[in-house]
Amino acid sequence: MHNALDMLNVCIAPTRLCNLRCDHCYITPELLSDRRMMAEDVYRTTFDRIEELFKADRKVSKINIELLGGELTMMPLEFWERNLPWTLERMAAWDALYDAEAALIWCTNLIFKDDGYVDLLNRMGQRFGYGLDPVSYTHLTLPTKRIV
């Protein structure tokens, strides 16, 4: 049997908590209010499992990891100050060790509960070659009754 796929795509949802209630959202409204989060050790162990999957199929040359929720920035900033650099370093090591193209997708609605996220994402951009440019939130027009 020929394996034509060379990409491993993994979605990780460390939280379902969200500050919006979008009509198109696939997550049930009850889950969008759930304040539970993935424990840090579970988050990091997930990357061990991803690496095991990658090593099990040597045809894979691309690893795509999507971090999504809910809204990731509803989690404490401190969680991501520890784990975003760790994640990017881990994925850079995969690139070096396995000659695998590793990409991280951070899914956000850009309505941060803590403005420290802009700084964190920009610091990661300077360190790893990508980031988020600061934006002014005053131009956003959103239906306020839909923002939690």
N, C-alpha and C. Protein backbone atom coordinates (compact mmCIF):
# COMPACT_ATOMS: atom_id res chain seq x y z
N MET A 1 0.84 -1.18 0.00
CA MET A 1 0.00 0.00 0.00
C MET A 1 0.89 1.24 0.00
N HIS A 2 0.56 2.19 -0.83
CA HIS A 2 1.33 3.42 -0.95
C HIS A 2 0.73 4.50 -0.06
N ASN A 3 1.56 5.12 0.75
CA ASN A 3 1.11 6.22 1.61
C ASN A 3 1.43 7.53 0.90
N ALA A 4 0.42 8.21 0.41
CA ALA A 4 0.63 9.45 -0.34
C ALA A 4 0.71 10.67 0.57
N LEU A 5 0.35 10.51 1.84
CA LEU A 5 0.34 11.65 2.76
C LEU A 5 1.70 11.78 3.42
N ASP A 6 2.19 13.00 3.44
CA ASP A 6 3.48 13.24 4.10
C ASP A 6 3.34 14.21 5.26
N MET A 7 2.09 14.49 5.67
CA MET A 7 1.86 15.46 6.74
C MET A 7 1.11 14.84 7.91
N LEU A 8 1.57 15.16 9.09
CA LEU A 8 0.87 14.82 10.32
C LEU A 8 0.24 16.10 10.83
N ASN A 9 -1.09 16.12 10.94
CA ASN A 9 -1.81 17.30 11.41
C ASN A 9 -2.50 16.95 12.73
N VAL A 10 -2.22 17.74 13.77
CA VAL A 10 -2.78 17.48 15.09
C VAL A 10 -3.40 18.77 15.63
N CYS A 11 -4.62 18.63 16.15
CA CYS A 11 -5.30 19.76 16.80
C CYS A 11 -5.30 19.53 18.30
N ILE A 12 -4.90 20.54 19.05
CA ILE A 12 -4.88 20.48 20.51
C ILE A 12 -5.77 21.61 21.02
N ALA A 13 -6.71 21.25 21.89
CA ALA A 13 -7.62 22.25 22.47
C ALA A 13 -7.39 22.30 23.98
N PRO A 14 -6.48 23.17 24.43
CA PRO A 14 -6.19 23.26 25.86
C PRO A 14 -7.34 23.85 26.68
N THR A 15 -8.27 24.51 26.02
CA THR A 15 -9.44 25.07 26.69
C THR A 15 -10.58 25.18 25.69
N ARG A 16 -11.78 25.21 26.19
CA ARG A 16 -12.95 25.50 25.36
C ARG A 16 -13.55 26.84 25.74
N LEU A 17 -13.07 27.42 26.83
CA LEU A 17 -13.57 28.70 27.30
C LEU A 17 -13.38 29.77 26.23
N CYS A 18 -14.41 30.58 25.99
CA CYS A 18 -14.32 31.61 24.96
C CYS A 18 -15.04 32.87 25.41
N ASN A 19 -14.58 34.01 24.91
CA ASN A 19 -15.16 35.30 25.22
C ASN A 19 -16.17 35.75 24.17
N LEU A 20 -16.44 34.94 23.18
CA LEU A 20 -17.45 35.24 22.16
C LEU A 20 -18.45 34.08 22.06
N ARG A 21 -19.56 34.36 21.46
CA ARG A 21 -20.56 33.33 21.16
C ARG A 21 -20.95 33.48 19.69
N CYS A 22 -20.08 33.05 18.81
CA CYS A 22 -20.29 33.21 17.38
C CYS A 22 -21.34 32.20 16.88
N ASP A 23 -22.19 32.67 16.00
CA ASP A 23 -23.23 31.80 15.44
C ASP A 23 -22.65 30.61 14.70
N HIS A 24 -21.50 30.78 14.07
CA HIS A 24 -20.92 29.71 13.27
C HIS A 24 -20.09 28.71 14.08
N CYS A 25 -19.92 28.96 15.37
CA CYS A 25 -19.04 28.12 16.19
C CYS A 25 -19.61 26.70 16.32
N TYR A 26 -18.73 25.72 16.19
CA TYR A 26 -19.11 24.32 16.30
C TYR A 26 -19.15 23.82 17.74
N ILE A 27 -18.67 24.62 18.68
CA ILE A 27 -18.62 24.21 20.09
C ILE A 27 -19.95 24.58 20.76
N THR A 28 -20.48 23.67 21.53
CA THR A 28 -21.75 23.95 22.21
C THR A 28 -21.57 25.07 23.22
N PRO A 29 -22.57 25.93 23.38
CA PRO A 29 -22.45 27.08 24.29
C PRO A 29 -22.05 26.71 25.71
N GLU A 30 -22.48 25.57 26.19
CA GLU A 30 -22.10 25.16 27.56
C GLU A 30 -20.59 25.01 27.68
N LEU A 31 -19.97 24.44 26.67
CA LEU A 31 -18.51 24.25 26.71
C LEU A 31 -17.77 25.58 26.61
N LEU A 32 -18.34 26.55 25.94
CA LEU A 32 -17.68 27.86 25.81
C LEU A 32 -17.60 28.59 27.14
N SER A 33 -18.36 28.14 28.13
CA SER A 33 -18.33 28.73 29.46
C SER A 33 -17.54 27.87 30.45
N ASP A 34 -17.06 26.74 30.00
CA ASP A 34 -16.34 25.80 30.86
C ASP A 34 -14.94 26.33 31.15
N ARG A 35 -14.63 26.56 32.39
CA ARG A 35 -13.35 27.16 32.79
C ARG A 35 -12.22 26.14 32.97
N ARG A 36 -12.53 24.87 32.77
CA ARG A 36 -11.47 23.86 32.90
C ARG A 36 -10.44 24.04 31.78
N MET A 37 -9.19 23.74 32.11
CA MET A 37 -8.10 23.84 31.14
C MET A 37 -7.28 22.56 31.18
N MET A 38 -6.58 22.33 30.10
CA MET A 38 -5.65 21.21 30.05
C MET A 38 -4.51 21.49 31.04
N ALA A 39 -4.17 20.48 31.82
CA ALA A 39 -3.04 20.62 32.76
C ALA A 39 -1.74 20.73 31.97
N GLU A 40 -0.79 21.43 32.55
CA GLU A 40 0.48 21.65 31.86
C GLU A 40 1.19 20.34 31.54
N ASP A 41 1.18 19.38 32.46
CA ASP A 41 1.85 18.11 32.18
C ASP A 41 1.15 17.34 31.06
N VAL A 42 -0.16 17.44 30.97
CA VAL A 42 -0.89 16.80 29.87
C VAL A 42 -0.54 17.48 28.55
N TYR A 43 -0.49 18.82 28.56
CA TYR A 43 -0.12 19.57 27.36
C TYR A 43 1.24 19.10 26.85
N ARG A 44 2.22 19.04 27.74
CA ARG A 44 3.57 18.67 27.32
C ARG A 44 3.67 17.20 26.91
N THR A 45 2.96 16.33 27.60
CA THR A 45 2.95 14.91 27.24
C THR A 45 2.35 14.71 25.85
N THR A 46 1.40 15.55 25.48
CA THR A 46 0.81 15.48 24.14
C THR A 46 1.89 15.57 23.07
N PHE A 47 2.90 16.40 23.29
CA PHE A 47 3.97 16.55 22.32
C PHE A 47 4.86 15.31 22.26
N ASP A 48 4.98 14.59 23.39
CA ASP A 48 5.69 13.30 23.35
C ASP A 48 4.94 12.33 22.45
N ARG A 49 3.61 12.30 22.58
CA ARG A 49 2.79 11.39 21.76
C ARG A 49 2.86 11.78 20.29
N ILE A 50 2.86 13.09 20.00
CA ILE A 50 2.97 13.55 18.61
C ILE A 50 4.30 13.09 18.02
N GLU A 51 5.36 13.21 18.79
CA GLU A 51 6.67 12.78 18.29
C GLU A 51 6.69 11.27 18.05
N GLU A 52 6.03 10.49 18.91
CA GLU A 52 5.94 9.05 18.69
C GLU A 52 5.20 8.74 17.40
N LEU A 53 4.11 9.44 17.14
CA LEU A 53 3.37 9.25 15.89
C LEU A 53 4.25 9.57 14.69
N PHE A 54 4.98 10.67 14.81
CA PHE A 54 5.85 11.08 13.72
C PHE A 54 6.92 10.01 13.44
N LYS A 55 7.54 9.52 14.49
CA LYS A 55 8.61 8.54 14.32
C LYS A 55 8.08 7.20 13.80
N ALA A 56 6.80 6.92 14.05
CA ALA A 56 6.22 5.66 13.58
C ALA A 56 6.00 5.63 12.07
N ASP A 57 5.93 6.79 11.45
CA ASP A 57 5.71 6.85 10.00
C ASP A 57 6.78 7.74 9.39
N ARG A 58 7.84 7.13 8.90
CA ARG A 58 8.99 7.88 8.38
C ARG A 58 8.68 8.59 7.06
N LYS A 59 7.51 8.37 6.47
CA LYS A 59 7.15 9.09 5.26
C LYS A 59 6.72 10.53 5.56
N VAL A 60 6.38 10.77 6.82
CA VAL A 60 5.91 12.10 7.22
C VAL A 60 7.10 13.06 7.26
N SER A 61 6.96 14.16 6.55
CA SER A 61 8.02 15.18 6.52
C SER A 61 7.52 16.54 7.01
N LYS A 62 6.23 16.62 7.32
CA LYS A 62 5.64 17.88 7.80
C LYS A 62 4.77 17.59 9.01
N ILE A 63 4.94 18.41 10.03
CA ILE A 63 4.12 18.30 11.24
C ILE A 63 3.41 19.64 11.41
N ASN A 64 2.10 19.59 11.42
CA ASN A 64 1.30 20.79 11.57
C ASN A 64 0.50 20.66 12.87
N ILE A 65 0.73 21.56 13.82
CA ILE A 65 0.01 21.51 15.09
C ILE A 65 -0.84 22.77 15.20
N GLU A 66 -2.13 22.56 15.43
CA GLU A 66 -3.06 23.66 15.61
C GLU A 66 -3.44 23.74 17.09
N LEU A 67 -3.20 24.90 17.69
CA LEU A 67 -3.67 25.16 19.05
C LEU A 67 -4.95 25.97 18.93
N LEU A 68 -6.03 25.42 19.45
CA LEU A 68 -7.31 26.10 19.32
C LEU A 68 -8.13 25.88 20.58
N GLY A 69 -9.26 26.53 20.62
CA GLY A 69 -10.14 26.41 21.78
C GLY A 69 -11.57 26.26 21.31
N GLY A 70 -12.38 27.01 21.92
CA GLY A 70 -12.41 28.23 22.68
C GLY A 70 -11.40 29.27 22.20
N GLU A 71 -11.04 30.07 23.15
CA GLU A 71 -10.07 31.15 22.93
C GLU A 71 -8.86 30.90 23.82
N LEU A 72 -7.71 30.65 23.20
CA LEU A 72 -6.49 30.34 23.94
C LEU A 72 -6.11 31.42 24.94
N THR A 73 -6.39 32.67 24.61
CA THR A 73 -5.97 33.77 25.47
C THR A 73 -6.89 33.96 26.67
N MET A 74 -7.90 33.11 26.82
CA MET A 74 -8.70 33.11 28.04
C MET A 74 -7.97 32.33 29.14
N MET A 75 -6.94 31.60 28.76
CA MET A 75 -6.12 30.88 29.73
C MET A 75 -5.19 31.89 30.40
N PRO A 76 -4.67 31.57 31.57
CA PRO A 76 -3.73 32.49 32.21
C PRO A 76 -2.50 32.73 31.32
N LEU A 77 -2.10 33.97 31.21
CA LEU A 77 -0.93 34.33 30.42
C LEU A 77 0.29 33.53 30.86
N GLU A 78 0.41 33.27 32.15
CA GLU A 78 1.57 32.55 32.68
C GLU A 78 1.70 31.14 32.07
N PHE A 79 0.56 30.50 31.78
CA PHE A 79 0.61 29.18 31.15
C PHE A 79 1.34 29.28 29.82
N TRP A 80 0.99 30.27 29.02
CA TRP A 80 1.60 30.39 27.69
C TRP A 80 2.99 31.00 27.75
N GLU A 81 3.28 31.80 28.78
CA GLU A 81 4.66 32.30 28.92
C GLU A 81 5.62 31.15 29.15
N ARG A 82 5.16 30.10 29.81
CA ARG A 82 5.99 28.90 30.01
C ARG A 82 5.93 27.97 28.79
N ASN A 83 4.76 27.78 28.24
CA ASN A 83 4.56 26.71 27.27
C ASN A 83 4.69 27.10 25.81
N LEU A 84 4.46 28.35 25.46
CA LEU A 84 4.65 28.72 24.05
C LEU A 84 6.12 28.67 23.65
N PRO A 85 7.05 29.23 24.44
CA PRO A 85 8.47 29.07 24.06
C PRO A 85 8.88 27.59 24.08
N TRP A 86 8.42 26.84 25.06
CA TRP A 86 8.73 25.42 25.14
C TRP A 86 8.24 24.69 23.88
N THR A 87 7.02 25.00 23.46
CA THR A 87 6.44 24.37 22.27
C THR A 87 7.26 24.69 21.03
N LEU A 88 7.58 25.95 20.84
CA LEU A 88 8.33 26.36 19.65
C LEU A 88 9.74 25.77 19.65
N GLU A 89 10.37 25.67 20.82
CA GLU A 89 11.69 25.04 20.91
C GLU A 89 11.59 23.55 20.58
N ARG A 90 10.57 22.91 21.10
CA ARG A 90 10.37 21.47 20.83
C ARG A 90 10.18 21.23 19.34
N MET A 91 9.36 22.07 18.71
CA MET A 91 9.10 21.90 17.29
C MET A 91 10.34 22.23 16.45
N ALA A 92 11.13 23.19 16.88
CA ALA A 92 12.38 23.50 16.18
C ALA A 92 13.34 22.31 16.28
N ALA A 93 13.32 21.62 17.41
CA ALA A 93 14.17 20.43 17.58
C ALA A 93 13.74 19.33 16.61
N TRP A 94 12.43 19.18 16.40
CA TRP A 94 11.97 18.18 15.43
C TRP A 94 12.52 18.49 14.05
N ASP A 95 12.49 19.76 13.71
CA ASP A 95 13.01 20.17 12.40
C ASP A 95 14.48 19.77 12.27
N ALA A 96 15.25 20.03 13.33
CA ALA A 96 16.68 19.73 13.30
C ALA A 96 16.95 18.22 13.36
N LEU A 97 16.25 17.50 14.24
CA LEU A 97 16.50 16.07 14.43
C LEU A 97 16.02 15.20 13.28
N TYR A 98 14.86 15.55 12.74
CA TYR A 98 14.20 14.66 11.78
C TYR A 98 14.09 15.26 10.39
N ASP A 99 14.65 16.43 10.21
CA ASP A 99 14.52 17.13 8.93
C ASP A 99 13.04 17.23 8.55
N ALA A 100 12.23 17.61 9.53
CA ALA A 100 10.79 17.72 9.32
C ALA A 100 10.37 19.18 9.43
N GLU A 101 9.55 19.59 8.53
CA GLU A 101 9.00 20.94 8.56
C GLU A 101 7.89 20.96 9.62
N ALA A 102 8.07 21.75 10.68
CA ALA A 102 7.10 21.80 11.76
C ALA A 102 6.47 23.19 11.82
N ALA A 103 5.14 23.23 11.81
CA ALA A 103 4.42 24.51 11.83
C ALA A 103 3.43 24.51 12.98
N LEU A 104 3.34 25.66 13.65
CA LEU A 104 2.40 25.85 14.73
C LEU A 104 1.38 26.90 14.31
N ILE A 105 0.11 26.57 14.48
CA ILE A 105 -0.97 27.51 14.19
C ILE A 105 -1.65 27.85 15.51
N TRP A 106 -1.66 29.12 15.85
CA TRP A 106 -2.27 29.63 17.09
C TRP A 106 -3.59 30.27 16.68
N CYS A 107 -4.69 29.62 17.00
CA CYS A 107 -6.01 30.13 16.59
C CYS A 107 -6.56 31.05 17.67
N THR A 108 -6.89 32.27 17.27
CA THR A 108 -7.37 33.27 18.22
C THR A 108 -8.38 34.19 17.55
N ASN A 109 -9.26 34.77 18.36
CA ASN A 109 -10.18 35.78 17.83
C ASN A 109 -9.62 37.20 17.99
N LEU A 110 -8.40 37.30 18.53
CA LEU A 110 -7.68 38.56 18.72
C LEU A 110 -8.34 39.50 19.72
N ILE A 111 -9.22 38.99 20.54
CA ILE A 111 -9.80 39.79 21.62
C ILE A 111 -9.22 39.24 22.91
N PHE A 112 -8.09 39.78 23.30
CA PHE A 112 -7.33 39.25 24.42
C PHE A 112 -7.84 39.80 25.74
N LYS A 113 -7.96 38.92 26.74
CA LYS A 113 -8.34 39.39 28.07
C LYS A 113 -7.13 40.03 28.77
N ASP A 114 -5.94 39.75 28.28
CA ASP A 114 -4.71 40.29 28.86
C ASP A 114 -3.84 40.79 27.71
N ASP A 115 -3.56 42.08 27.69
CA ASP A 115 -2.75 42.66 26.62
C ASP A 115 -1.32 42.12 26.60
N GLY A 116 -0.93 41.40 27.65
CA GLY A 116 0.39 40.78 27.68
C GLY A 116 0.57 39.75 26.58
N TYR A 117 -0.54 39.27 26.01
CA TYR A 117 -0.44 38.31 24.91
C TYR A 117 0.20 38.92 23.67
N VAL A 118 -0.07 40.19 23.41
CA VAL A 118 0.55 40.83 22.24
C VAL A 118 2.06 40.83 22.41
N ASP A 119 2.53 41.18 23.60
CA ASP A 119 3.96 41.18 23.88
C ASP A 119 4.54 39.77 23.77
N LEU A 120 3.85 38.79 24.35
CA LEU A 120 4.34 37.41 24.29
C LEU A 120 4.47 36.94 22.84
N LEU A 121 3.43 37.16 22.05
CA LEU A 121 3.47 36.69 20.66
C LEU A 121 4.53 37.41 19.85
N ASN A 122 4.73 38.69 20.11
CA ASN A 122 5.79 39.41 19.41
C ASN A 122 7.18 38.95 19.85
N ARG A 123 7.36 38.68 21.14
CA ARG A 123 8.65 38.15 21.60
C ARG A 123 8.96 36.81 20.94
N MET A 124 7.94 35.99 20.82
CA MET A 124 8.14 34.69 20.15
C MET A 124 8.46 34.91 18.68
N GLY A 125 7.84 35.92 18.09
CA GLY A 125 8.12 36.24 16.69
C GLY A 125 9.56 36.68 16.49
N GLN A 126 10.05 37.51 17.39
CA GLN A 126 11.44 37.96 17.28
C GLN A 126 12.40 36.80 17.48
N ARG A 127 12.05 35.89 18.37
CA ARG A 127 12.94 34.78 18.70
C ARG A 127 12.88 33.66 17.65
N PHE A 128 11.69 33.41 17.11
CA PHE A 128 11.50 32.27 16.22
C PHE A 128 11.17 32.67 14.78
N GLY A 129 11.05 33.97 14.52
CA GLY A 129 10.88 34.41 13.14
C GLY A 129 9.46 34.72 12.70
N TYR A 130 8.52 34.81 13.62
CA TYR A 130 7.16 35.21 13.29
C TYR A 130 6.49 35.76 14.53
N GLY A 131 5.41 36.46 14.37
CA GLY A 131 4.73 37.04 15.52
C GLY A 131 3.46 37.75 15.13
N LEU A 132 2.99 38.56 16.06
CA LEU A 132 1.77 39.30 15.88
C LEU A 132 2.07 40.77 16.03
N ASP A 133 1.69 41.55 15.06
CA ASP A 133 1.87 42.99 15.19
C ASP A 133 0.80 43.54 16.11
N PRO A 134 1.16 44.47 17.00
CA PRO A 134 0.14 45.07 17.87
C PRO A 134 -0.90 45.79 17.02
N VAL A 135 -2.15 45.65 17.43
CA VAL A 135 -3.24 46.33 16.73
C VAL A 135 -4.04 47.15 17.73
N SER A 136 -4.72 48.12 17.21
CA SER A 136 -5.62 48.91 18.04
C SER A 136 -6.97 48.25 18.05
N TYR A 137 -7.50 47.98 19.22
CA TYR A 137 -8.80 47.33 19.32
C TYR A 137 -9.95 48.31 19.16
N THR A 138 -9.66 49.59 19.07
CA THR A 138 -10.73 50.58 19.00
C THR A 138 -11.47 50.53 17.68
N HIS A 139 -10.86 49.97 16.64
CA HIS A 139 -11.53 49.91 15.34
C HIS A 139 -12.45 48.71 15.19
N LEU A 140 -12.41 47.78 16.15
CA LEU A 140 -13.25 46.60 16.05
C LEU A 140 -14.69 46.93 16.42
N THR A 141 -15.61 46.54 15.60
CA THR A 141 -17.02 46.73 15.88
C THR A 141 -17.65 45.37 16.07
N LEU A 142 -18.02 45.06 17.28
CA LEU A 142 -18.60 43.76 17.59
C LEU A 142 -19.93 43.96 18.32
N PRO A 143 -20.84 43.06 18.15
CA PRO A 143 -22.09 43.15 18.90
C PRO A 143 -21.80 42.85 20.38
N THR A 144 -21.87 43.86 21.22
CA THR A 144 -21.46 43.70 22.61
C THR A 144 -22.24 42.65 23.37
N LYS A 145 -23.46 42.39 22.99
CA LYS A 145 -24.21 41.36 23.70
C LYS A 145 -23.65 39.97 23.45
N ARG A 146 -22.83 39.81 22.44
CA ARG A 146 -22.26 38.52 22.11
C ARG A 146 -20.89 38.32 22.77
N ILE A 147 -20.33 39.35 23.34
CA ILE A 147 -19.03 39.23 24.01
C ILE A 147 -19.28 38.87 25.46
N VAL A 148 -18.61 37.82 25.91
CA VAL A 148 -18.80 37.34 27.28
C VAL A 148 -17.78 38.00 28.17
